[in-house]
């Protein structure tokens, strides 16, 4: 069984964030954000997160822009031009258009953690991505790191 984790950094102090990753034996953080360089990201800013993950938990880091929503899609959802169901449908279609199911080696995702900013996974593209990947290969156990 492939263990695929998800985590959001918003609302978590660095200590809790890195303890969740270490205690779950995560081997790699896969950053699914379109913009991983925002100053608002604090410790989760791309280059800083790569450094901290390696130093604190010997966890590798990868930024995969193919997993991110487009800026336009994200903007339309944030400004309420579309609702969550419309966002969900468009994001999943985007993954299909990008041929993610064909490109990804799902076995290599074992003990990887999909990262974005949302505190919980309910209305977050990391959950949609994890479920999409599970649909491609059912032997995935999705574990959301939130507590």
C-alpha atoms as a PDB file:
ATOM      1  CA  UNK A   1       0.000   0.000   0.000  1.00  0.00           C
ATOM      2  CA  UNK A   2       1.329   3.423  -0.994  1.00  0.00           C
ATOM      3  CA  UNK A   3       1.049   6.008   1.784  1.00  0.00           C
ATOM      4  CA  UNK A   4       0.393   9.474   0.372  1.00  0.00           C
ATOM      5  CA  UNK A   5       0.209  12.314   2.876  1.00  0.00           C
ATOM      6  CA  UNK A   6      -1.168  15.833   2.523  1.00  0.00           C
ATOM      7  CA  UNK A   7      -0.489  18.908   4.630  1.00  0.00           C
ATOM      8  CA  UNK A   8      -1.256  22.613   4.653  1.00  0.00           C
ATOM      9  CA  UNK A   9       1.004  25.051   6.466  1.00  0.00           C
ATOM     10  CA  UNK A  10      -1.493  27.801   7.288  1.00  0.00           C
ATOM     11  CA  UNK A  11      -2.456  27.842  10.956  1.00  0.00           C
ATOM     12  CA  UNK A  12       0.443  25.629  12.017  1.00  0.00           C
ATOM     13  CA  UNK A  13       3.550  26.831  13.792  1.00  0.00           C
ATOM     14  CA  UNK A  14       6.760  25.442  12.304  1.00  0.00           C
ATOM     15  CA  UNK A  15       7.278  23.084  15.251  1.00  0.00           C
ATOM     16  CA  UNK A  16       3.898  21.405  14.762  1.00  0.00           C
ATOM     17  CA  UNK A  17       4.288  21.326  10.964  1.00  0.00           C
ATOM     18  CA  UNK A  18       7.688  19.603  11.031  1.00  0.00           C
ATOM     19  CA  UNK A  19       6.701  17.255  13.877  1.00  0.00           C
ATOM     20  CA  UNK A  20       3.705  16.065  11.840  1.00  0.00           C
ATOM     21  CA  UNK A  21       6.011  15.316   8.898  1.00  0.00           C
ATOM     22  CA  UNK A  22       8.715  13.616  10.986  1.00  0.00           C
ATOM     23  CA  UNK A  23       6.288  11.562  13.071  1.00  0.00           C
ATOM     24  CA  UNK A  24       4.676  10.267   9.870  1.00  0.00           C
ATOM     25  CA  UNK A  25       8.052   9.302   8.382  1.00  0.00           C
ATOM     26  CA  UNK A  26       7.492  11.497   5.309  1.00  0.00           C
ATOM     27  CA  UNK A  27      10.406  11.195   2.862  1.00  0.00           C
ATOM     28  CA  UNK A  28       9.540  14.006   0.432  1.00  0.00           C
ATOM     29  CA  UNK A  29       7.426  17.159   0.401  1.00  0.00           C
ATOM     30  CA  UNK A  30       5.800  17.754  -2.978  1.00  0.00           C
ATOM     31  CA  UNK A  31       4.855  21.434  -3.128  1.00  0.00           C
ATOM     32  CA  UNK A  32       1.664  21.784  -5.192  1.00  0.00           C
ATOM     33  CA  UNK A  33       1.374  25.587  -4.971  1.00  0.00           C
ATOM     34  CA  UNK A  34       1.460  27.775  -8.062  1.00  0.00           C
ATOM     35  CA  UNK A  35       3.344  30.418  -6.063  1.00  0.00           C
ATOM     36  CA  UNK A  36       5.817  29.047  -3.553  1.00  0.00           C
ATOM     37  CA  UNK A  37       7.815  32.259  -3.090  1.00  0.00           C
ATOM     38  CA  UNK A  38       5.289  34.501  -1.339  1.00  0.00           C
ATOM     39  CA  UNK A  39       6.571  36.338   1.726  1.00  0.00           C
ATOM     40  CA  UNK A  40       3.266  35.412   3.381  1.00  0.00           C
ATOM     41  CA  UNK A  41       4.388  31.781   3.415  1.00  0.00           C
ATOM     42  CA  UNK A  42       6.816  32.359   6.290  1.00  0.00           C
ATOM     43  CA  UNK A  43       8.769  29.152   6.983  1.00  0.00           C
ATOM     44  CA  UNK A  44       6.994  27.471   4.025  1.00  0.00           C
ATOM     45  CA  UNK A  45       8.522  29.731   1.381  1.00  0.00           C
ATOM     46  CA  UNK A  46       9.981  27.362  -1.258  1.00  0.00           C
ATOM     47  CA  UNK A  47      13.743  27.743  -0.741  1.00  0.00           C
ATOM     48  CA  UNK A  48      13.359  28.054   3.047  1.00  0.00           C
ATOM     49  CA  UNK A  49      11.083  25.021   3.230  1.00  0.00           C
ATOM     50  CA  UNK A  50      13.577  22.969   1.215  1.00  0.00           C
ATOM     51  CA  UNK A  51      16.318  23.905   3.692  1.00  0.00           C
ATOM     52  CA  UNK A  52      14.246  23.388   6.854  1.00  0.00           C
ATOM     53  CA  UNK A  53      12.810  20.050   5.680  1.00  0.00           C
ATOM     54  CA  UNK A  54      16.292  18.678   4.988  1.00  0.00           C
ATOM     55  CA  UNK A  55      17.828  20.016   8.207  1.00  0.00           C
ATOM     56  CA  UNK A  56      14.961  19.206  10.577  1.00  0.00           C
ATOM     57  CA  UNK A  57      13.678  15.922   9.197  1.00  0.00           C
ATOM     58  CA  UNK A  58      16.039  14.794   6.417  1.00  0.00           C
ATOM     59  CA  UNK A  59      13.035  15.248   4.095  1.00  0.00           C
ATOM     60  CA  UNK A  60      13.564  16.112   0.444  1.00  0.00           C
ATOM     61  CA  UNK A  61      11.555  18.779  -1.373  1.00  0.00           C
ATOM     62  CA  UNK A  62      10.149  19.159  -4.869  1.00  0.00           C
ATOM     63  CA  UNK A  63       8.021  21.916  -6.354  1.00  0.00           C
ATOM     64  CA  UNK A  64       5.691  20.373  -8.956  1.00  0.00           C
ATOM     65  CA  UNK A  65       3.896  23.117 -10.861  1.00  0.00           C
ATOM     66  CA  UNK A  66       1.928  20.518 -12.880  1.00  0.00           C
ATOM     67  CA  UNK A  67       0.009  19.734  -9.682  1.00  0.00           C
ATOM     68  CA  UNK A  68      -0.934  23.378  -9.078  1.00  0.00           C
ATOM     69  CA  UNK A  69      -4.127  25.063 -10.245  1.00  0.00           C
ATOM     70  CA  UNK A  70      -3.697  27.887 -12.739  1.00  0.00           C
ATOM     71  CA  UNK A  71      -3.556  31.442 -11.414  1.00  0.00           C
ATOM     72  CA  UNK A  72      -6.766  32.180 -13.301  1.00  0.00           C
ATOM     73  CA  UNK A  73      -8.643  29.245 -11.788  1.00  0.00           C
ATOM     74  CA  UNK A  74      -7.489  30.115  -8.293  1.00  0.00           C
ATOM     75  CA  UNK A  75      -8.424  33.788  -8.769  1.00  0.00           C
ATOM     76  CA  UNK A  76     -11.898  32.917 -10.049  1.00  0.00           C
ATOM     77  CA  UNK A  77     -12.524  30.764  -6.974  1.00  0.00           C
ATOM     78  CA  UNK A  78     -11.121  33.307  -4.524  1.00  0.00           C
ATOM     79  CA  UNK A  79     -13.158  36.162  -5.953  1.00  0.00           C
ATOM     80  CA  UNK A  80     -16.261  33.909  -5.912  1.00  0.00           C
ATOM     81  CA  UNK A  81     -16.747  33.916  -9.704  1.00  0.00           C
ATOM     82  CA  UNK A  82     -17.044  30.139  -9.364  1.00  0.00           C
ATOM     83  CA  UNK A  83     -18.096  27.952  -6.453  1.00  0.00           C
ATOM     84  CA  UNK A  84     -16.215  24.990  -4.946  1.00  0.00           C
ATOM     85  CA  UNK A  85     -17.933  22.392  -7.128  1.00  0.00           C
ATOM     86  CA  UNK A  86     -17.014  24.322 -10.289  1.00  0.00           C
ATOM     87  CA  UNK A  87     -13.449  24.771  -9.044  1.00  0.00           C
ATOM     88  CA  UNK A  88     -13.209  21.059  -8.287  1.00  0.00           C
ATOM     89  CA  UNK A  89     -14.426  20.083 -11.762  1.00  0.00           C
ATOM     90  CA  UNK A  90     -12.104  22.528 -13.534  1.00  0.00           C
ATOM     91  CA  UNK A  91      -9.090  21.488 -11.468  1.00  0.00           C
ATOM     92  CA  UNK A  92      -9.674  17.781 -12.160  1.00  0.00           C
ATOM     93  CA  UNK A  93     -10.088  18.566 -15.871  1.00  0.00           C
ATOM     94  CA  UNK A  94      -6.809  20.477 -15.708  1.00  0.00           C
ATOM     95  CA  UNK A  95      -5.061  17.390 -14.294  1.00  0.00           C
ATOM     96  CA  UNK A  96      -6.462  15.363 -17.197  1.00  0.00           C
ATOM     97  CA  UNK A  97      -5.370  17.975 -19.752  1.00  0.00           C
ATOM     98  CA  UNK A  98      -1.867  17.906 -18.261  1.00  0.00           C
ATOM     99  CA  UNK A  99      -1.946  14.077 -18.517  1.00  0.00           C
ATOM    100  CA  UNK A 100      -0.916  13.694 -14.874  1.00  0.00           C
ATOM    101  CA  UNK A 101      -2.184  10.096 -14.725  1.00  0.00           C
ATOM    102  CA  UNK A 102       0.169   9.147 -17.581  1.00  0.00           C
ATOM    103  CA  UNK A 103       3.161  11.231 -16.415  1.00  0.00           C
ATOM    104  CA  UNK A 104       3.339  10.247 -12.753  1.00  0.00           C
ATOM    105  CA  UNK A 105       5.012   7.144 -11.376  1.00  0.00           C
ATOM    106  CA  UNK A 106       2.612   6.547  -8.513  1.00  0.00           C
ATOM    107  CA  UNK A 107       4.843   3.990  -6.757  1.00  0.00           C
ATOM    108  CA  UNK A 108       7.409   6.759  -6.243  1.00  0.00           C
ATOM    109  CA  UNK A 109       4.841   8.720  -4.226  1.00  0.00           C
ATOM    110  CA  UNK A 110       5.138   6.343  -1.255  1.00  0.00           C
ATOM    111  CA  UNK A 111       5.706   8.449   1.879  1.00  0.00           C
ATOM    112  CA  UNK A 112       5.460  11.692  -0.106  1.00  0.00           C
ATOM    113  CA  UNK A 113       3.415  14.581   1.254  1.00  0.00           C
ATOM    114  CA  UNK A 114       1.421  16.919  -0.986  1.00  0.00           C
ATOM    115  CA  UNK A 115       1.748  20.467   0.348  1.00  0.00           C
ATOM    116  CA  UNK A 116      -0.326  23.584  -0.106  1.00  0.00           C
ATOM    117  CA  UNK A 117      -1.384  26.468   2.071  1.00  0.00           C
ATOM    118  CA  UNK A 118      -4.941  25.545   3.119  1.00  0.00           C
ATOM    119  CA  UNK A 119      -5.189  24.539   6.782  1.00  0.00           C
ATOM    120  CA  UNK A 120      -7.557  21.614   6.193  1.00  0.00           C
ATOM    121  CA  UNK A 121      -8.047  19.463   3.080  1.00  0.00           C
ATOM    122  CA  UNK A 122     -11.819  19.815   2.587  1.00  0.00           C
ATOM    123  CA  UNK A 123     -11.668  22.668   0.078  1.00  0.00           C
ATOM    124  CA  UNK A 124      -8.127  22.271  -1.115  1.00  0.00           C
ATOM    125  CA  UNK A 125      -6.598  21.072  -4.362  1.00  0.00           C
ATOM    126  CA  UNK A 126      -4.140  18.805  -2.510  1.00  0.00           C
ATOM    127  CA  UNK A 127      -7.066  16.598  -1.463  1.00  0.00           C
ATOM    128  CA  UNK A 128      -8.455  16.612  -5.006  1.00  0.00           C
ATOM    129  CA  UNK A 129      -5.030  15.661  -6.359  1.00  0.00           C
ATOM    130  CA  UNK A 130      -4.589  12.847  -3.833  1.00  0.00           C
ATOM    131  CA  UNK A 131      -8.034  11.460  -4.669  1.00  0.00           C
ATOM    132  CA  UNK A 132      -7.322  11.784  -8.396  1.00  0.00           C
ATOM    133  CA  UNK A 133      -4.117   9.760  -7.967  1.00  0.00           C
ATOM    134  CA  UNK A 134      -5.976   7.164  -5.881  1.00  0.00           C
ATOM    135  CA  UNK A 135      -8.503   6.848  -8.707  1.00  0.00           C
ATOM    136  CA  UNK A 136      -5.589   6.092 -11.068  1.00  0.00           C
ATOM    137  CA  UNK A 137      -4.091   3.517  -8.698  1.00  0.00           C
ATOM    138  CA  UNK A 138      -6.340   2.268  -5.937  1.00  0.00           C
ATOM    139  CA  UNK A 139      -3.461   1.020  -3.739  1.00  0.00           C
ATOM    140  CA  UNK A 140      -2.992   4.516  -2.269  1.00  0.00           C
ATOM    141  CA  UNK A 141      -3.818   5.291   1.343  1.00  0.00           C
ATOM    142  CA  UNK A 142      -4.407   9.042   1.724  1.00  0.00           C
ATOM    143  CA  UNK A 143      -3.452  10.490   5.108  1.00  0.00           C
ATOM    144  CA  UNK A 144      -4.185  14.156   5.838  1.00  0.00           C
ATOM    145  CA  UNK A 145      -1.784  15.619   8.414  1.00  0.00           C
ATOM    146  CA  UNK A 146      -3.859  18.200  10.280  1.00  0.00           C
ATOM    147  CA  UNK A 147      -3.659  17.557  14.031  1.00  0.00           C
END
